[in-house]
Every structure is written in structure tokens, then in C-alpha cells.
Amino acid sequence: MPADAAHHARRVLRLGGGDSIVLFNGRGGEYVAKLASPGGVATAAIERFDPVERESPLALTLLQALVAAEKLDWLVEKAVELGVARIVIAPTRRSVVRLDAERAGKRLVHWRGIVRAACCQCGRNRLPEVDYCNTFEAQLAATPANARRLALLPGVGAPLRAASGATALLIGPEGGLTDEEVALALGAGFVSVRIGPRILRTETAGIAALAAMQTLGGDFGSGTA
């Protein structure tokens, strides 16, 4: 069992030998097991495999502009809870934060840790992907080829409607995308959409849109709260 998971089981959940736990490897399904070693190196005895799946039928990709660390940490966590399949982060012209190659690598490891923790909390057993692109253009190019492409732009575009299948959602930074970036996105096949009459903060916009899409065409009507 990974050290962080063992620590959480022993120190946070106060589990001991013989207690039931659920394990997953991030590739689907989960394992019902019993904690076999309450101290030292934690081990577990697998009892059975459950092929349960909890992934959204929308295959949501969030293309998020690079923002302040605490905002992005919160956003990644909530996006995982809302069923996003992939998160692609990149700086834009108006991004306040800038990362060199070393810092970007460290942040990517950090974000992937947040993803694992969020999956444990919300019961997902497939790990969403998190990627970092050095440029906005590279972020657009990372959009799945078969995805419906939506750009959430304040005050313009048609209201967000129900979607089906793979969907990519583009969210700009605190100051919004520049005219040049909007043109690049539209040229890459993105369609401008809006949710409501108010301008939302960048960390609110993506989460609100993901929740709306899950309600309109995803799995919010099929699970439990």
C-alpha cells in the first residue's frame, strides 16, 4: 500500500488490522480488502474485485488557464469530484503566474497528488489525467480530436446546452482571453458559450460549467449525492 494511503488509513481514519478497506489502481474497478498490518509497512488482504464504474458519459476535458496556486489546487480537486476526465493547464497572455520548466514539473506532480486524493474522497476509481502545456497554442492542440469544443466567454455566445459524448471546455485567466487568443480558439473549432448573465471568476467558471454540463447531459441524475 502506498505510504500516503497507509498514513491516511492509520492516522486519519484510525483503521487497524482486520478493518475493511477499498483499494483501486486508477484503471477502473476497485478491490474490497482487509487491512492486514496496522503498524509499520501497511499491507492488505484482497477479498474480491468489484468492476464498478463511476465515470461520466461526457468524457469532459477542462482546458484551464494557469492561475494562482491556491485557486488552481482547489479547481483541480473540484473538477475531479465533478467527473472531469482530463485537465490541461497552460499560461495565457494575461496569466499572472508564470512557471519555468522546473517549477512546472513540480506543480504537475503536486496536481496529480491532488487528483489521487480527490478520487479517494469521491469514490472514483479511474485517475483523470493532468497535463501542462507551455503555451496556449499547445493547449488548444491537446484538445481531443473527437471532442465537442466549447469556450466559456463572458457575455458572448449561446447559452450552454446539453452535450453528449466527449466535450472540451476552455476557461481563460483572471483577465480573460485576449482577442488574439479568442480568434485562435475559434479557429481551432471552439464555439463560444455562456452560463447566465453574470461574469464569473476563473476558478468559478469552469466548476459551474462542469456542474451544468453534468446536469444537462451527464450523470448527475443517475447517482447519489
C-alpha atoms as a PDB file:
ATOM      1  CA  MET A   1       0.000   0.000   0.000  1.00  0.00           C
ATOM      2  CA  PRO A   2       1.434   3.480  -0.856  1.00  0.00           C
ATOM      3  CA  ALA A   3       2.868   5.364   2.112  1.00  0.00           C
ATOM      4  CA  ASP A   4       0.374   8.241   1.885  1.00  0.00           C
ATOM      5  CA  ALA A   5      -2.581   5.840   1.743  1.00  0.00           C
ATOM      6  CA  ALA A   6      -1.183   3.853   4.671  1.00  0.00           C
ATOM      7  CA  HIS A   7      -0.735   7.037   6.705  1.00  0.00           C
ATOM      8  CA  HIS A   8      -4.298   8.133   5.943  1.00  0.00           C
ATOM      9  CA  ALA A   9      -5.699   4.727   6.933  1.00  0.00           C
ATOM     10  CA  ARG A  10      -3.798   4.541  10.216  1.00  0.00           C
ATOM     11  CA  ARG A  11      -3.537   8.148  11.380  1.00  0.00           C
ATOM     12  CA  VAL A  12      -6.637   9.820   9.911  1.00  0.00           C
ATOM     13  CA  LEU A  13      -9.217   7.037   9.669  1.00  0.00           C
ATOM     14  CA  ARG A  14      -7.781   5.196  12.703  1.00  0.00           C
ATOM     15  CA  LEU A  15      -8.068   1.815  11.000  1.00  0.00           C
ATOM     16  CA  GLY A  16      -6.412  -1.301  12.401  1.00  0.00           C
ATOM     17  CA  GLY A  17      -5.767  -4.895  11.456  1.00  0.00           C
ATOM     18  CA  GLY A  18      -8.902  -6.642  10.187  1.00  0.00           C
ATOM     19  CA  ASP A  19     -10.757  -3.453   9.220  1.00  0.00           C
ATOM     20  CA  SER A  20     -12.358  -3.411   5.764  1.00  0.00           C
ATOM     21  CA  ILE A  21     -10.965  -1.040   3.145  1.00  0.00           C
ATOM     22  CA  VAL A  22     -11.438  -0.382  -0.569  1.00  0.00           C
ATOM     23  CA  LEU A  23      -8.417  -0.117  -2.881  1.00  0.00           C
ATOM     24  CA  PHE A  24      -8.120   0.988  -6.512  1.00  0.00           C
ATOM     25  CA  ASN A  25      -5.287   1.167  -9.015  1.00  0.00           C
ATOM     26  CA  GLY A  26      -6.639   4.034 -11.128  1.00  0.00           C
ATOM     27  CA  ARG A  27      -7.550   1.862 -14.118  1.00  0.00           C
ATOM     28  CA  GLY A  28     -11.162   1.042 -13.234  1.00  0.00           C
ATOM     29  CA  GLY A  29     -12.939  -1.098 -10.699  1.00  0.00           C
ATOM     30  CA  GLU A  30     -11.957  -1.481  -7.076  1.00  0.00           C
ATOM     31  CA  TYR A  31     -10.792  -4.124  -4.618  1.00  0.00           C
ATOM     32  CA  VAL A  32     -12.527  -4.938  -1.357  1.00  0.00           C
ATOM     33  CA  ALA A  33      -9.844  -5.863   1.169  1.00  0.00           C
ATOM     34  CA  LYS A  34      -8.973  -6.080   4.837  1.00  0.00           C
ATOM     35  CA  LEU A  35      -6.114  -4.184   6.410  1.00  0.00           C
ATOM     36  CA  ALA A  36      -3.640  -6.855   7.451  1.00  0.00           C
ATOM     37  CA  SER A  37      -0.923  -4.823   9.147  1.00  0.00           C
ATOM     38  CA  PRO A  38      -1.918  -1.971  11.473  1.00  0.00           C
ATOM     39  CA  GLY A  39       1.647  -0.777  12.046  1.00  0.00           C
ATOM     40  CA  GLY A  40       4.918  -0.455  10.138  1.00  0.00           C
ATOM     41  CA  VAL A  41       4.516  -1.158   6.423  1.00  0.00           C
ATOM     42  CA  ALA A  42       0.768  -1.427   5.799  1.00  0.00           C
ATOM     43  CA  THR A  43      -0.427  -4.449   3.827  1.00  0.00           C
ATOM     44  CA  ALA A  44      -3.897  -5.564   2.817  1.00  0.00           C
ATOM     45  CA  ALA A  45      -5.509  -8.892   2.005  1.00  0.00           C
ATOM     46  CA  ILE A  46      -7.609  -8.678  -1.182  1.00  0.00           C
ATOM     47  CA  GLU A  47     -11.007 -10.360  -0.846  1.00  0.00           C
ATOM     48  CA  ARG A  48     -12.717  -9.601  -4.150  1.00  0.00           C
ATOM     49  CA  PHE A  49     -12.764  -7.305  -7.177  1.00  0.00           C
ATOM     50  CA  ASP A  50     -15.766  -5.076  -7.901  1.00  0.00           C
ATOM     51  CA  PRO A  51     -15.923  -3.855 -11.550  1.00  0.00           C
ATOM     52  CA  VAL A  52     -17.988  -0.763 -10.611  1.00  0.00           C
ATOM     53  CA  GLU A  53     -17.525   2.317 -12.818  1.00  0.00           C
ATOM     54  CA  ARG A  54     -18.307   5.922 -11.866  1.00  0.00           C
ATOM     55  CA  GLU A  55     -17.116   7.848 -14.931  1.00  0.00           C
ATOM     56  CA  SER A  56     -19.226  10.444 -16.715  1.00  0.00           C
ATOM     57  CA  PRO A  57     -20.548   9.609 -20.200  1.00  0.00           C
ATOM     58  CA  LEU A  58     -19.425  13.070 -21.335  1.00  0.00           C
ATOM     59  CA  ALA A  59     -15.635  12.410 -21.204  1.00  0.00           C
ATOM     60  CA  LEU A  60     -15.030  16.002 -20.092  1.00  0.00           C
ATOM     61  CA  THR A  61     -11.714  17.750 -20.776  1.00  0.00           C
ATOM     62  CA  LEU A  62     -11.057  21.011 -18.918  1.00  0.00           C
ATOM     63  CA  LEU A  63      -8.618  23.382 -20.624  1.00  0.00           C
ATOM     64  CA  GLN A  64      -7.773  25.738 -17.777  1.00  0.00           C
ATOM     65  CA  ALA A  65      -5.636  28.863 -17.876  1.00  0.00           C
ATOM     66  CA  LEU A  66      -2.799  28.960 -15.360  1.00  0.00           C
ATOM     67  CA  VAL A  67      -3.858  30.892 -12.250  1.00  0.00           C
ATOM     68  CA  ALA A  68      -2.619  31.338  -8.671  1.00  0.00           C
ATOM     69  CA  ALA A  69      -1.557  28.125  -6.913  1.00  0.00           C
ATOM     70  CA  GLU A  70      -4.263  28.018  -4.255  1.00  0.00           C
ATOM     71  CA  LYS A  71      -7.007  28.679  -6.801  1.00  0.00           C
ATOM     72  CA  LEU A  72      -5.704  26.012  -9.141  1.00  0.00           C
ATOM     73  CA  ASP A  73      -5.355  23.437  -6.368  1.00  0.00           C
ATOM     74  CA  TRP A  74      -8.996  23.977  -5.384  1.00  0.00           C
ATOM     75  CA  LEU A  75     -10.102  23.916  -9.012  1.00  0.00           C
ATOM     76  CA  VAL A  76      -8.319  20.628  -9.772  1.00  0.00           C
ATOM     77  CA  GLU A  77      -9.843  18.974  -6.701  1.00  0.00           C
ATOM     78  CA  LYS A  78     -13.404  20.099  -7.504  1.00  0.00           C
ATOM     79  CA  ALA A  79     -13.092  19.251 -11.195  1.00  0.00           C
ATOM     80  CA  VAL A  80     -12.192  15.674 -10.237  1.00  0.00           C
ATOM     81  CA  GLU A  81     -15.216  15.491  -7.929  1.00  0.00           C
ATOM     82  CA  LEU A  82     -17.401  16.720 -10.797  1.00  0.00           C
ATOM     83  CA  GLY A  83     -16.212  13.936 -13.098  1.00  0.00           C
ATOM     84  CA  VAL A  84     -13.687  15.577 -15.411  1.00  0.00           C
ATOM     85  CA  ALA A  85     -11.648  13.042 -17.392  1.00  0.00           C
ATOM     86  CA  ARG A  86      -8.680  15.268 -18.187  1.00  0.00           C
ATOM     87  CA  ILE A  87      -7.300  18.653 -17.160  1.00  0.00           C
ATOM     88  CA  VAL A  88      -4.889  20.566 -19.389  1.00  0.00           C
ATOM     89  CA  ILE A  89      -3.299  23.658 -17.831  1.00  0.00           C
ATOM     90  CA  ALA A  90      -1.389  26.352 -19.728  1.00  0.00           C
ATOM     91  CA  PRO A  91      -0.362  30.004 -19.347  1.00  0.00           C
ATOM     92  CA  THR A  92      -2.187  32.611 -21.397  1.00  0.00           C
ATOM     93  CA  ARG A  93      -1.196  36.168 -22.314  1.00  0.00           C
ATOM     94  CA  ARG A  94      -2.933  37.590 -19.217  1.00  0.00           C
ATOM     95  CA  SER A  95      -1.940  34.870 -16.766  1.00  0.00           C
ATOM     96  CA  VAL A  96      -0.354  36.492 -13.719  1.00  0.00           C
ATOM     97  CA  VAL A  97       1.510  33.314 -12.740  1.00  0.00           C
ATOM     98  CA  ARG A  98       4.478  32.051 -14.780  1.00  0.00           C
ATOM     99  CA  LEU A  99       6.273  28.738 -14.338  1.00  0.00           C
ATOM    100  CA  ASP A 100       9.714  27.742 -15.551  1.00  0.00           C
ATOM    101  CA  ALA A 101      10.349  24.132 -16.542  1.00  0.00           C
ATOM    102  CA  GLU A 102      11.465  23.056 -13.056  1.00  0.00           C
ATOM    103  CA  ARG A 103       8.526  24.649 -11.246  1.00  0.00           C
ATOM    104  CA  ALA A 104       6.084  23.336 -13.841  1.00  0.00           C
ATOM    105  CA  GLY A 105       7.346  19.795 -13.281  1.00  0.00           C
ATOM    106  CA  LYS A 106       6.944  20.118  -9.516  1.00  0.00           C
ATOM    107  CA  ARG A 107       3.464  21.594  -9.847  1.00  0.00           C
ATOM    108  CA  LEU A 108       2.435  18.776 -12.172  1.00  0.00           C
ATOM    109  CA  VAL A 109       3.470  16.203  -9.553  1.00  0.00           C
ATOM    110  CA  HIS A 110       1.548  18.221  -6.953  1.00  0.00           C
ATOM    111  CA  TRP A 111      -1.615  18.400  -9.079  1.00  0.00           C
ATOM    112  CA  ARG A 112      -1.506  14.670  -9.719  1.00  0.00           C
ATOM    113  CA  GLY A 113      -1.343  14.119  -5.981  1.00  0.00           C
ATOM    114  CA  ILE A 114      -4.457  16.271  -5.586  1.00  0.00           C
ATOM    115  CA  VAL A 115      -6.175  14.149  -8.238  1.00  0.00           C
ATOM    116  CA  ARG A 116      -5.409  10.924  -6.364  1.00  0.00           C
ATOM    117  CA  ALA A 117      -6.638  12.348  -3.076  1.00  0.00           C
ATOM    118  CA  ALA A 118      -9.824  13.673  -4.682  1.00  0.00           C
ATOM    119  CA  CYS A 119     -10.521  10.277  -6.281  1.00  0.00           C
ATOM    120  CA  CYS A 120     -10.189   8.620  -2.868  1.00  0.00           C
ATOM    121  CA  GLN A 121     -12.603  11.143  -1.367  1.00  0.00           C
ATOM    122  CA  CYS A 122     -15.298  10.955  -4.060  1.00  0.00           C
ATOM    123  CA  GLY A 123     -15.080   7.247  -4.909  1.00  0.00           C
ATOM    124  CA  ARG A 124     -13.687   7.482  -8.433  1.00  0.00           C
ATOM    125  CA  ASN A 125     -11.540   4.533  -9.460  1.00  0.00           C
ATOM    126  CA  ARG A 126     -10.089   5.900 -12.701  1.00  0.00           C
ATOM    127  CA  LEU A 127      -7.498   8.650 -12.363  1.00  0.00           C
ATOM    128  CA  PRO A 128      -8.163  11.725 -14.523  1.00  0.00           C
ATOM    129  CA  GLU A 129      -5.139  12.894 -16.485  1.00  0.00           C
ATOM    130  CA  VAL A 130      -3.440  16.205 -15.708  1.00  0.00           C
ATOM    131  CA  ASP A 131      -1.112  17.787 -18.255  1.00  0.00           C
ATOM    132  CA  TYR A 132       0.747  21.081 -18.514  1.00  0.00           C
ATOM    133  CA  CYS A 133       1.455  22.892 -21.784  1.00  0.00           C
ATOM    134  CA  ASN A 134       3.967  25.714 -22.127  1.00  0.00           C
ATOM    135  CA  THR A 135       1.790  27.752 -24.495  1.00  0.00           C
ATOM    136  CA  PHE A 136      -1.866  28.464 -25.184  1.00  0.00           C
ATOM    137  CA  GLU A 137      -1.439  27.152 -28.722  1.00  0.00           C
ATOM    138  CA  ALA A 138      -0.141  23.823 -27.407  1.00  0.00           C
ATOM    139  CA  GLN A 139      -3.104  23.652 -25.029  1.00  0.00           C
ATOM    140  CA  LEU A 140      -5.542  24.048 -27.935  1.00  0.00           C
ATOM    141  CA  ALA A 141      -3.671  21.359 -29.867  1.00  0.00           C
ATOM    142  CA  ALA A 142      -4.048  18.993 -26.885  1.00  0.00           C
ATOM    143  CA  THR A 143      -7.842  19.014 -27.257  1.00  0.00           C
ATOM    144  CA  PRO A 144      -9.176  15.529 -28.095  1.00  0.00           C
ATOM    145  CA  ALA A 145      -9.859  15.333 -31.819  1.00  0.00           C
ATOM    146  CA  ASN A 146     -13.372  13.929 -31.380  1.00  0.00           C
ATOM    147  CA  ALA A 147     -14.482  16.368 -28.656  1.00  0.00           C
ATOM    148  CA  ARG A 148     -17.174  18.993 -28.900  1.00  0.00           C
ATOM    149  CA  ARG A 149     -15.242  22.237 -28.277  1.00  0.00           C
ATOM    150  CA  LEU A 150     -16.707  24.944 -26.035  1.00  0.00           C
ATOM    151  CA  ALA A 151     -15.093  28.214 -24.907  1.00  0.00           C
ATOM    152  CA  LEU A 152     -16.706  29.913 -21.925  1.00  0.00           C
ATOM    153  CA  LEU A 153     -16.510  33.605 -22.759  1.00  0.00           C
ATOM    154  CA  PRO A 154     -18.182  36.301 -20.615  1.00  0.00           C
ATOM    155  CA  GLY A 155     -21.158  37.999 -22.209  1.00  0.00           C
ATOM    156  CA  VAL A 156     -20.978  36.327 -25.620  1.00  0.00           C
ATOM    157  CA  GLY A 157     -22.072  33.118 -27.254  1.00  0.00           C
ATOM    158  CA  ALA A 158     -25.138  30.956 -26.985  1.00  0.00           C
ATOM    159  CA  PRO A 159     -26.360  29.636 -23.617  1.00  0.00           C
ATOM    160  CA  LEU A 160     -24.750  26.373 -22.570  1.00  0.00           C
ATOM    161  CA  ARG A 161     -26.856  23.474 -23.822  1.00  0.00           C
ATOM    162  CA  ALA A 162     -26.946  19.746 -23.188  1.00  0.00           C
ATOM    163  CA  ALA A 163     -23.994  17.867 -24.659  1.00  0.00           C
ATOM    164  CA  SER A 164     -23.258  14.223 -25.300  1.00  0.00           C
ATOM    165  CA  GLY A 165     -20.030  12.290 -25.795  1.00  0.00           C
ATOM    166  CA  ALA A 166     -16.573  13.847 -25.491  1.00  0.00           C
ATOM    167  CA  THR A 167     -16.619  17.552 -24.619  1.00  0.00           C
ATOM    168  CA  ALA A 168     -13.773  20.038 -24.102  1.00  0.00           C
ATOM    169  CA  LEU A 169     -14.276  23.245 -22.122  1.00  0.00           C
ATOM    170  CA  LEU A 170     -11.860  26.200 -22.415  1.00  0.00           C
ATOM    171  CA  ILE A 171     -11.558  28.630 -19.475  1.00  0.00           C
ATOM    172  CA  GLY A 172      -9.461  31.792 -19.570  1.00  0.00           C
ATOM    173  CA  PRO A 173      -7.469  33.539 -16.788  1.00  0.00           C
ATOM    174  CA  GLU A 174      -8.490  36.282 -14.343  1.00  0.00           C
ATOM    175  CA  GLY A 175      -8.333  38.977 -17.017  1.00  0.00           C
ATOM    176  CA  GLY A 176      -9.933  36.846 -19.717  1.00  0.00           C
ATOM    177  CA  LEU A 177      -8.543  35.674 -23.033  1.00  0.00           C
ATOM    178  CA  THR A 178      -7.151  38.282 -25.418  1.00  0.00           C
ATOM    179  CA  ASP A 179      -8.828  38.932 -28.766  1.00  0.00           C
ATOM    180  CA  GLU A 180      -5.960  37.063 -30.429  1.00  0.00           C
ATOM    181  CA  GLU A 181      -6.471  34.031 -28.171  1.00  0.00           C
ATOM    182  CA  VAL A 182     -10.211  34.038 -28.783  1.00  0.00           C
ATOM    183  CA  ALA A 183      -9.522  34.083 -32.523  1.00  0.00           C
ATOM    184  CA  LEU A 184      -7.093  31.170 -32.142  1.00  0.00           C
ATOM    185  CA  ALA A 185      -9.670  29.190 -30.165  1.00  0.00           C
ATOM    186  CA  LEU A 186     -12.441  29.840 -32.687  1.00  0.00           C
ATOM    187  CA  GLY A 187     -10.045  28.904 -35.478  1.00  0.00           C
ATOM    188  CA  ALA A 188      -9.363  25.614 -33.669  1.00  0.00           C
ATOM    189  CA  GLY A 189     -13.071  24.759 -33.739  1.00  0.00           C
ATOM    190  CA  PHE A 190     -14.198  26.125 -30.384  1.00  0.00           C
ATOM    191  CA  VAL A 191     -17.668  27.640 -30.081  1.00  0.00           C
ATOM    192  CA  SER A 192     -18.318  30.436 -27.583  1.00  0.00           C
ATOM    193  CA  VAL A 193     -20.900  29.702 -24.869  1.00  0.00           C
ATOM    194  CA  ARG A 194     -22.064  31.415 -21.686  1.00  0.00           C
ATOM    195  CA  ILE A 195     -23.755  30.449 -18.435  1.00  0.00           C
ATOM    196  CA  GLY A 196     -26.018  33.149 -17.097  1.00  0.00           C
ATOM    197  CA  PRO A 197     -25.772  36.960 -17.250  1.00  0.00           C
ATOM    198  CA  ARG A 198     -23.010  37.401 -14.656  1.00  0.00           C
ATOM    199  CA  ILE A 199     -19.248  37.380 -15.141  1.00  0.00           C
ATOM    200  CA  LEU A 200     -17.731  34.548 -13.108  1.00  0.00           C
ATOM    201  CA  ARG A 201     -14.228  34.350 -11.685  1.00  0.00           C
ATOM    202  CA  THR A 202     -11.946  31.912 -13.496  1.00  0.00           C
ATOM    203  CA  GLU A 203     -11.965  29.419 -10.612  1.00  0.00           C
ATOM    204  CA  THR A 204     -15.782  29.574 -10.500  1.00  0.00           C
ATOM    205  CA  ALA A 205     -16.489  29.483 -14.228  1.00  0.00           C
ATOM    206  CA  GLY A 206     -15.050  26.064 -15.020  1.00  0.00           C
ATOM    207  CA  ILE A 207     -16.591  24.392 -11.975  1.00  0.00           C
ATOM    208  CA  ALA A 208     -20.004  25.948 -12.642  1.00  0.00           C
ATOM    209  CA  ALA A 209     -19.884  24.892 -16.302  1.00  0.00           C
ATOM    210  CA  LEU A 210     -18.816  21.332 -15.458  1.00  0.00           C
ATOM    211  CA  ALA A 211     -21.674  21.024 -12.979  1.00  0.00           C
ATOM    212  CA  ALA A 212     -24.127  22.435 -15.523  1.00  0.00           C
ATOM    213  CA  MET A 213     -22.983  20.006 -18.231  1.00  0.00           C
ATOM    214  CA  GLN A 214     -23.245  17.044 -15.859  1.00  0.00           C
ATOM    215  CA  THR A 215     -26.780  18.161 -15.023  1.00  0.00           C
ATOM    216  CA  LEU A 216     -27.851  18.773 -18.627  1.00  0.00           C
ATOM    217  CA  GLY A 217     -26.363  15.693 -20.264  1.00  0.00           C
ATOM    218  CA  GLY A 218     -24.080  13.874 -17.840  1.00  0.00           C
ATOM    219  CA  ASP A 219     -24.631  11.639 -14.848  1.00  0.00           C
ATOM    220  CA  PHE A 220     -25.933  13.963 -12.128  1.00  0.00           C
ATOM    221  CA  GLY A 221     -29.362  12.381 -12.397  1.00  0.00           C
ATOM    222  CA  SER A 222     -28.084   8.810 -12.051  1.00  0.00           C
ATOM    223  CA  GLY A 223     -26.000   8.797  -8.889  1.00  0.00           C
ATOM    224  CA  THR A 224     -26.316   9.691  -5.233  1.00  0.00           C
ATOM    225  CA  ALA A 225     -25.476  12.973  -3.540  1.00  0.00           C
END
